[in-house]
Amino acid sequence: MTPLRVLLAWRPDGDPDGADTNTGTDTAAFVSWLSRTAEITVKPVTVIPRIWPEGVDRVDASDAAAVQRFEEWAAAESTACHAAARTALIDAGVPESMIDDSDELLHSHSETTALIRSAEEFGADLIVVGSRFGTSGGPVGRFRAGSTADALLHCAPLPVVTVPRTPTLSKHGVTRVSCAYVDNEQSHQALRKAADLASRWGVPLRLVAFSPTGASMYPTLTPFPDATEADERWRGQALDILARGRERAEERHPDLRVETEVGSGPGWSGAMDDVHWKKGEILVVGSSVLGAFNRVFIGPSTNQLLAHSPAPVLVSPV
């Protein structure tokens, strides 16, 4: 079987007191977790931001010298980051044979564009991004998108995996694939991706319908008098939806073990905490049909799943 090709958007461990930094240790741990599941080839890349506009051909002598110094610094920084990323991956337990050794200099005004271009040239199956760290980052065990991750989650042409801050991961690799399922085109694509991964890795597939209790998925100012009855009605509908999803998954992979579960509770946090999460879990979700075809584009519900999932999340394009 062809190894899974992983592009790791890597940054050095950021300043814990910084406003928008990332930690490379978490994403290295995730890649190591994948490497314990199946053969992979990982390419760590770091984008060096440009400080001069691209495509500027005419500069005076003083500017040319400054540009030259920047180019030399960018090359040195890129090499240092690649070496540090490689060391972090090895320290996390990734076999050296699974690490792509090509040292590519990426410097651009758009980190998102550079990452997508590099992923396409590498033939990546997915892009891995870490949680925002620092003062405005997420709590331990949860993901918060920084500016680059947020942009990728609205335009990437291939799956994006979000890694929670300081994730708790099984020593045995992926042990179950979960899929958020509501029986629409968005979740049909997620189901196909989740079923394919579960079959490839030889692990069970769990289909989950998440339902924040109440009349709305968000806090309300006035109580809905029939909320309990509506929640019970939705739970019955969710079980029917999951049964149809099970049939779809088993038609695609007849030997696949498929489980179903409904998670309900106050808010998205309560709904997601209502189900049991294994240390070896990865959650697969679909993109919104509001986005471009064959592109990742997260809607409000998916954004809530990313924020409250204790497991890494793979967002699949529609």
Protein backbone atom coordinates (compact mmCIF):
# COMPACT_ATOMS: atom_id res chain seq x y z
CA MET A 1 0.00 0.00 0.00
CA THR A 2 1.29 3.45 -0.92
CA PRO A 3 2.38 5.44 2.18
CA LEU A 4 0.13 8.29 3.27
CA ARG A 5 1.82 11.55 2.26
CA VAL A 6 1.66 14.20 4.98
CA LEU A 7 2.64 17.86 4.69
CA LEU A 8 3.43 19.18 8.16
CA ALA A 9 3.03 22.94 8.54
CA TRP A 10 5.75 23.29 11.15
CA ARG A 11 6.81 26.21 13.30
CA PRO A 12 9.26 26.28 16.20
CA ASP A 13 7.68 26.21 19.65
CA GLY A 14 6.25 29.67 20.17
CA ASP A 15 6.45 32.10 23.06
CA PRO A 16 3.88 30.98 25.68
CA ASP A 17 3.09 34.65 26.27
CA GLY A 18 2.78 35.50 22.57
CA ALA A 19 -0.54 36.41 20.99
CA ASP A 20 -0.58 34.13 17.92
CA THR A 21 2.08 31.43 18.08
CA ASN A 22 2.05 27.68 17.50
CA THR A 23 3.83 24.75 19.04
CA GLY A 24 5.72 22.35 16.80
CA THR A 25 5.89 19.70 19.52
CA ASP A 26 2.16 18.95 19.28
CA THR A 27 2.13 18.43 15.53
CA ALA A 28 5.26 16.27 15.71
CA ALA A 29 3.49 14.10 18.30
CA PHE A 30 0.50 13.76 15.96
CA VAL A 31 2.67 12.71 13.03
CA SER A 32 4.40 10.14 15.25
CA TRP A 33 0.94 8.83 16.19
CA LEU A 34 0.10 8.42 12.49
CA SER A 35 3.42 6.67 11.86
CA ARG A 36 2.46 4.05 14.46
CA THR A 37 -0.72 3.39 12.50
CA ALA A 38 0.60 2.86 8.97
CA GLU A 39 3.41 3.77 6.59
CA ILE A 40 3.63 7.52 5.98
CA THR A 41 5.96 9.98 4.31
CA VAL A 42 6.04 13.32 6.09
CA LYS A 43 7.44 16.54 4.70
CA PRO A 44 7.92 19.30 7.30
CA VAL A 45 7.77 22.81 5.83
CA THR A 46 8.15 26.26 7.36
CA VAL A 47 7.14 29.37 5.42
CA ILE A 48 9.40 32.38 5.93
CA PRO A 49 7.34 35.59 5.58
CA ARG A 50 8.44 38.13 2.98
CA ILE A 51 8.89 41.74 4.01
CA TRP A 52 9.17 43.12 0.45
CA PRO A 53 6.46 42.84 -2.20
CA GLU A 54 6.86 39.92 -4.58
CA GLY A 55 7.56 40.74 -8.20
CA VAL A 56 9.47 43.96 -7.53
CA ASP A 57 12.27 43.98 -10.12
CA ARG A 58 13.80 47.42 -9.74
CA VAL A 59 15.50 48.38 -6.48
CA ASP A 60 18.28 50.84 -5.76
CA ALA A 61 21.70 49.76 -4.50
CA SER A 62 20.89 50.11 -0.78
CA ASP A 63 17.64 48.18 -1.20
CA ALA A 64 19.42 45.49 -3.21
CA ALA A 65 21.91 44.95 -0.40
CA ALA A 66 19.10 44.71 2.14
CA VAL A 67 17.21 42.27 -0.07
CA GLN A 68 20.35 40.16 -0.41
CA ARG A 69 20.81 40.05 3.37
CA PHE A 70 17.18 39.04 3.80
CA GLU A 71 17.49 36.28 1.19
CA GLU A 72 20.57 34.91 2.95
CA TRP A 73 18.85 35.06 6.32
CA ALA A 74 15.69 33.39 4.94
CA ALA A 75 17.74 30.54 3.48
CA ALA A 76 19.58 30.03 6.78
CA GLU A 77 16.34 30.21 8.79
CA SER A 78 14.63 27.74 6.47
CA THR A 79 17.50 25.26 6.81
CA ALA A 80 17.51 25.65 10.60
CA CYS A 81 13.73 25.14 10.80
CA HIS A 82 13.89 22.04 8.61
CA ALA A 83 16.64 20.58 10.80
CA ALA A 84 14.70 21.43 13.98
CA ALA A 85 11.49 19.92 12.57
CA ARG A 86 13.33 16.75 11.60
CA THR A 87 14.81 16.50 15.09
CA ALA A 88 11.38 17.10 16.67
CA LEU A 89 9.84 14.34 14.52
CA ILE A 90 12.60 11.87 15.39
CA ASP A 91 12.37 12.77 19.10
CA ALA A 92 8.61 12.17 18.90
CA GLY A 93 9.24 8.69 17.52
CA VAL A 94 8.86 9.08 13.76
CA PRO A 95 11.23 6.67 11.95
CA GLU A 96 13.87 8.55 9.96
CA SER A 97 12.93 6.52 6.88
CA MET A 98 9.46 8.15 6.93
CA ILE A 99 10.78 11.75 6.87
CA ASP A 100 11.22 13.48 3.52
CA ASP A 101 14.68 15.05 3.53
CA SER A 102 14.15 17.69 0.84
CA ASP A 103 14.94 21.14 2.26
CA GLU A 104 12.65 23.54 0.41
CA LEU A 105 12.95 27.31 0.87
CA LEU A 106 9.46 28.77 1.12
CA HIS A 107 9.13 32.49 1.64
CA SER A 108 6.01 34.32 0.66
CA HIS A 109 3.60 37.03 1.76
CA SER A 110 0.93 34.33 1.97
CA GLU A 111 1.80 31.39 4.20
CA THR A 112 -1.44 29.73 3.12
CA THR A 113 -0.66 29.93 -0.60
CA ALA A 114 2.88 28.67 -0.07
CA LEU A 115 1.68 25.70 2.00
CA ILE A 116 -0.96 24.71 -0.55
CA ARG A 117 1.53 24.98 -3.42
CA SER A 118 4.07 22.88 -1.52
CA ALA A 119 1.41 20.29 -0.64
CA GLU A 120 0.32 19.98 -4.26
CA GLU A 121 3.89 19.65 -5.53
CA PHE A 122 4.59 17.01 -2.86
CA GLY A 123 1.41 15.12 -3.74
CA ALA A 124 0.24 15.34 -0.14
CA ASP A 125 -2.84 13.48 1.05
CA LEU A 126 -3.35 15.94 3.89
CA ILE A 127 -1.96 19.06 5.57
CA VAL A 128 -1.38 19.02 9.34
CA VAL A 129 -1.70 22.24 11.37
CA GLY A 130 -1.33 22.86 15.10
CA SER A 131 -3.41 24.87 17.52
CA ARG A 132 -2.80 28.51 18.21
CA PHE A 133 -0.72 28.81 21.36
CA GLY A 134 0.08 31.75 23.61
CA THR A 135 -2.23 34.16 25.39
CA SER A 136 -5.06 33.92 22.83
CA GLY A 137 -4.70 30.20 22.20
CA GLY A 138 -7.01 27.37 23.14
CA PRO A 139 -7.09 25.38 26.37
CA VAL A 140 -5.08 22.19 26.74
CA GLY A 141 -6.70 19.39 24.78
CA ARG A 142 -8.57 21.69 22.39
CA PHE A 143 -7.83 23.39 19.05
CA ARG A 144 -7.94 27.09 18.26
CA ALA A 145 -7.14 28.25 14.76
CA GLY A 146 -4.43 30.82 14.13
CA SER A 147 -4.62 33.02 11.04
CA THR A 148 -2.96 30.52 8.68
CA ALA A 149 -4.93 27.52 9.93
CA ASP A 150 -8.15 29.52 9.60
CA ALA A 151 -7.30 30.42 6.00
CA LEU A 152 -6.48 26.79 5.13
CA LEU A 153 -9.80 25.71 6.64
CA HIS A 154 -11.57 27.95 4.13
CA CYS A 155 -9.72 27.21 0.90
CA ALA A 156 -7.41 24.16 0.97
CA PRO A 157 -7.92 21.75 -1.97
CA LEU A 158 -7.01 18.72 0.17
CA PRO A 159 -7.91 17.51 3.67
CA VAL A 160 -6.65 19.56 6.62
CA VAL A 161 -5.99 17.94 10.01
CA THR A 162 -6.21 20.13 13.11
CA VAL A 163 -4.22 19.01 16.16
CA PRO A 164 -5.39 20.03 19.67
CA ARG A 165 -3.00 21.69 22.05
CA THR A 166 -1.00 19.06 23.99
CA PRO A 167 -3.01 16.16 22.53
CA THR A 168 -3.46 12.88 24.41
CA LEU A 169 -2.67 10.17 21.86
CA SER A 170 -2.57 6.38 22.05
CA LYS A 171 0.78 4.61 21.96
CA HIS A 172 -0.81 2.19 19.50
CA GLY A 173 -1.66 4.76 16.83
CA VAL A 174 -5.18 5.32 15.49
CA THR A 175 -7.58 2.83 17.10
CA ARG A 176 -10.90 4.21 15.81
CA VAL A 177 -12.13 6.66 13.18
CA SER A 178 -15.19 8.73 14.12
CA CYS A 179 -17.32 10.65 11.65
CA ALA A 180 -19.77 13.47 12.38
CA TYR A 181 -22.82 12.41 10.37
CA VAL A 182 -26.15 14.10 9.58
CA ASP A 183 -27.02 12.50 6.19
CA ASN A 184 -26.38 15.45 3.87
CA GLU A 185 -23.84 15.84 1.06
CA GLN A 186 -21.36 17.40 3.47
CA SER A 187 -21.41 14.36 5.75
CA HIS A 188 -21.67 11.87 2.85
CA GLN A 189 -18.22 12.98 1.71
CA ALA A 190 -16.93 12.83 5.28
CA LEU A 191 -18.37 9.31 5.60
CA ARG A 192 -16.61 8.15 2.44
CA LYS A 193 -13.29 9.54 3.67
CA ALA A 194 -13.74 8.16 7.19
CA ALA A 195 -14.77 4.71 5.95
CA ASP A 196 -11.81 4.57 3.56
CA LEU A 197 -9.37 5.48 6.35
CA ALA A 198 -10.89 3.02 8.83
CA SER A 199 -10.71 0.24 6.24
CA ARG A 200 -7.16 1.16 5.29
CA TRP A 201 -6.01 1.15 8.92
CA GLY A 202 -8.07 -1.88 9.97
CA VAL A 203 -9.92 -0.07 12.78
CA PRO A 204 -13.63 0.44 13.58
CA LEU A 205 -15.66 3.33 12.20
CA ARG A 206 -17.97 5.22 14.55
CA LEU A 207 -20.74 7.44 13.17
CA VAL A 208 -21.80 10.15 15.62
CA ALA A 209 -24.70 12.59 15.50
CA PHE A 210 -24.04 15.57 17.77
CA SER A 211 -27.04 17.49 19.09
CA PRO A 212 -26.74 20.48 21.43
CA THR A 213 -29.93 20.41 23.53
CA GLY A 214 -32.50 23.18 23.29
CA ALA A 215 -34.14 25.06 20.46
CA SER A 216 -30.87 26.50 19.15
CA MET A 217 -27.25 25.42 18.96
CA TYR A 218 -26.35 28.75 20.59
CA PRO A 219 -27.36 30.31 23.95
CA THR A 220 -30.83 31.92 23.90
CA LEU A 221 -32.42 34.71 25.94
CA THR A 222 -35.90 33.15 26.12
CA PRO A 223 -36.53 29.48 26.99
CA PHE A 224 -38.19 27.20 24.43
CA PRO A 225 -41.13 25.52 26.23
CA ASP A 226 -41.03 22.30 24.20
CA ALA A 227 -37.25 21.83 24.31
CA THR A 228 -37.33 18.42 26.03
CA GLU A 229 -39.88 17.02 23.58
CA ALA A 230 -37.91 18.42 20.63
CA ASP A 231 -34.69 16.85 21.95
CA GLU A 232 -36.37 13.44 22.26
CA ARG A 233 -37.81 13.74 18.75
CA TRP A 234 -34.41 14.67 17.34
CA ARG A 235 -32.74 11.75 19.08
CA GLY A 236 -35.14 9.35 17.37
CA GLN A 237 -34.45 10.99 14.01
CA ALA A 238 -30.71 10.86 14.67
CA LEU A 239 -30.83 7.11 15.23
CA ASP A 240 -32.57 6.69 11.85
CA ILE A 241 -29.97 8.92 10.19
CA LEU A 242 -27.13 6.92 11.70
CA ALA A 243 -28.73 3.64 10.56
CA ARG A 244 -28.72 4.95 6.97
CA GLY A 245 -25.11 6.03 7.41
CA ARG A 246 -24.17 2.56 8.63
CA GLU A 247 -25.70 1.08 5.47
CA ARG A 248 -23.68 3.47 3.30
CA ALA A 249 -20.44 2.61 5.08
CA GLU A 250 -21.05 -1.15 4.92
CA GLU A 251 -21.91 -0.95 1.23
CA ARG A 252 -18.59 0.80 0.60
CA HIS A 253 -16.55 -1.56 2.82
CA PRO A 254 -18.52 -4.76 3.65
CA ASP A 255 -15.96 -6.00 6.19
CA LEU A 256 -15.86 -2.72 8.12
CA ARG A 257 -17.00 -2.73 11.75
CA VAL A 258 -19.39 0.23 12.15
CA GLU A 259 -20.62 1.69 15.44
CA THR A 260 -23.18 4.49 15.95
CA GLU A 261 -23.73 6.93 18.80
CA VAL A 262 -25.69 10.10 19.57
CA GLY A 263 -24.10 12.86 21.64
CA SER A 264 -26.42 15.42 23.24
CA GLY A 265 -25.92 17.97 25.96
CA PRO A 266 -25.94 21.69 26.71
CA GLY A 267 -24.11 23.44 23.88
CA TRP A 268 -21.56 21.90 21.57
CA SER A 269 -19.21 21.20 24.45
CA GLY A 270 -21.90 19.21 26.26
CA ALA A 271 -22.87 17.30 23.12
CA MET A 272 -19.29 16.28 22.39
CA ASP A 273 -18.52 15.44 26.01
CA ASP A 274 -21.58 13.16 26.04
CA VAL A 275 -19.74 10.52 23.99
CA HIS A 276 -16.62 8.58 24.98
CA TRP A 277 -13.40 9.54 23.21
CA LYS A 278 -10.54 7.08 22.91
CA LYS A 279 -6.91 8.18 22.98
CA GLY A 280 -6.60 6.61 19.54
CA GLU A 281 -9.51 8.55 18.04
CA ILE A 282 -9.52 10.79 14.98
CA LEU A 283 -12.69 12.66 13.99
CA VAL A 284 -13.58 13.22 10.32
CA VAL A 285 -15.93 16.06 9.35
CA GLY A 286 -17.09 17.42 6.01
CA SER A 287 -16.87 20.87 4.49
CA SER A 288 -19.78 23.23 3.95
CA VAL A 289 -21.45 23.16 0.53
CA LEU A 290 -21.27 26.98 0.68
CA GLY A 291 -17.58 26.76 -0.22
CA ALA A 292 -15.95 26.10 -3.59
CA PHE A 293 -16.19 22.57 -5.00
CA ASN A 294 -13.26 20.32 -4.04
CA ARG A 295 -12.12 22.81 -1.39
CA VAL A 296 -12.19 22.75 2.39
CA PHE A 297 -14.65 25.31 3.75
CA ILE A 298 -15.84 25.09 7.34
CA GLY A 299 -19.27 26.37 8.32
CA PRO A 300 -20.52 27.39 11.79
CA SER A 301 -21.29 23.82 12.95
CA THR A 302 -17.94 22.43 11.81
CA ASN A 303 -16.18 25.35 13.46
CA GLN A 304 -17.84 24.37 16.75
CA LEU A 305 -16.77 20.74 16.31
CA LEU A 306 -13.16 21.84 15.77
CA ALA A 307 -13.22 24.02 18.88
CA HIS A 308 -14.66 21.37 21.20
CA SER A 309 -13.22 18.11 19.89
CA PRO A 310 -10.67 16.48 22.23
CA ALA A 311 -9.41 14.45 19.26
CA PRO A 312 -7.53 15.52 16.13
CA VAL A 313 -9.99 16.44 13.38
CA LEU A 314 -9.66 15.77 9.65
CA VAL A 315 -11.70 18.22 7.55
CA SER A 316 -12.48 16.76 4.14
CA PRO A 317 -13.32 18.86 1.06
CA VAL A 318 -16.78 18.40 -0.45
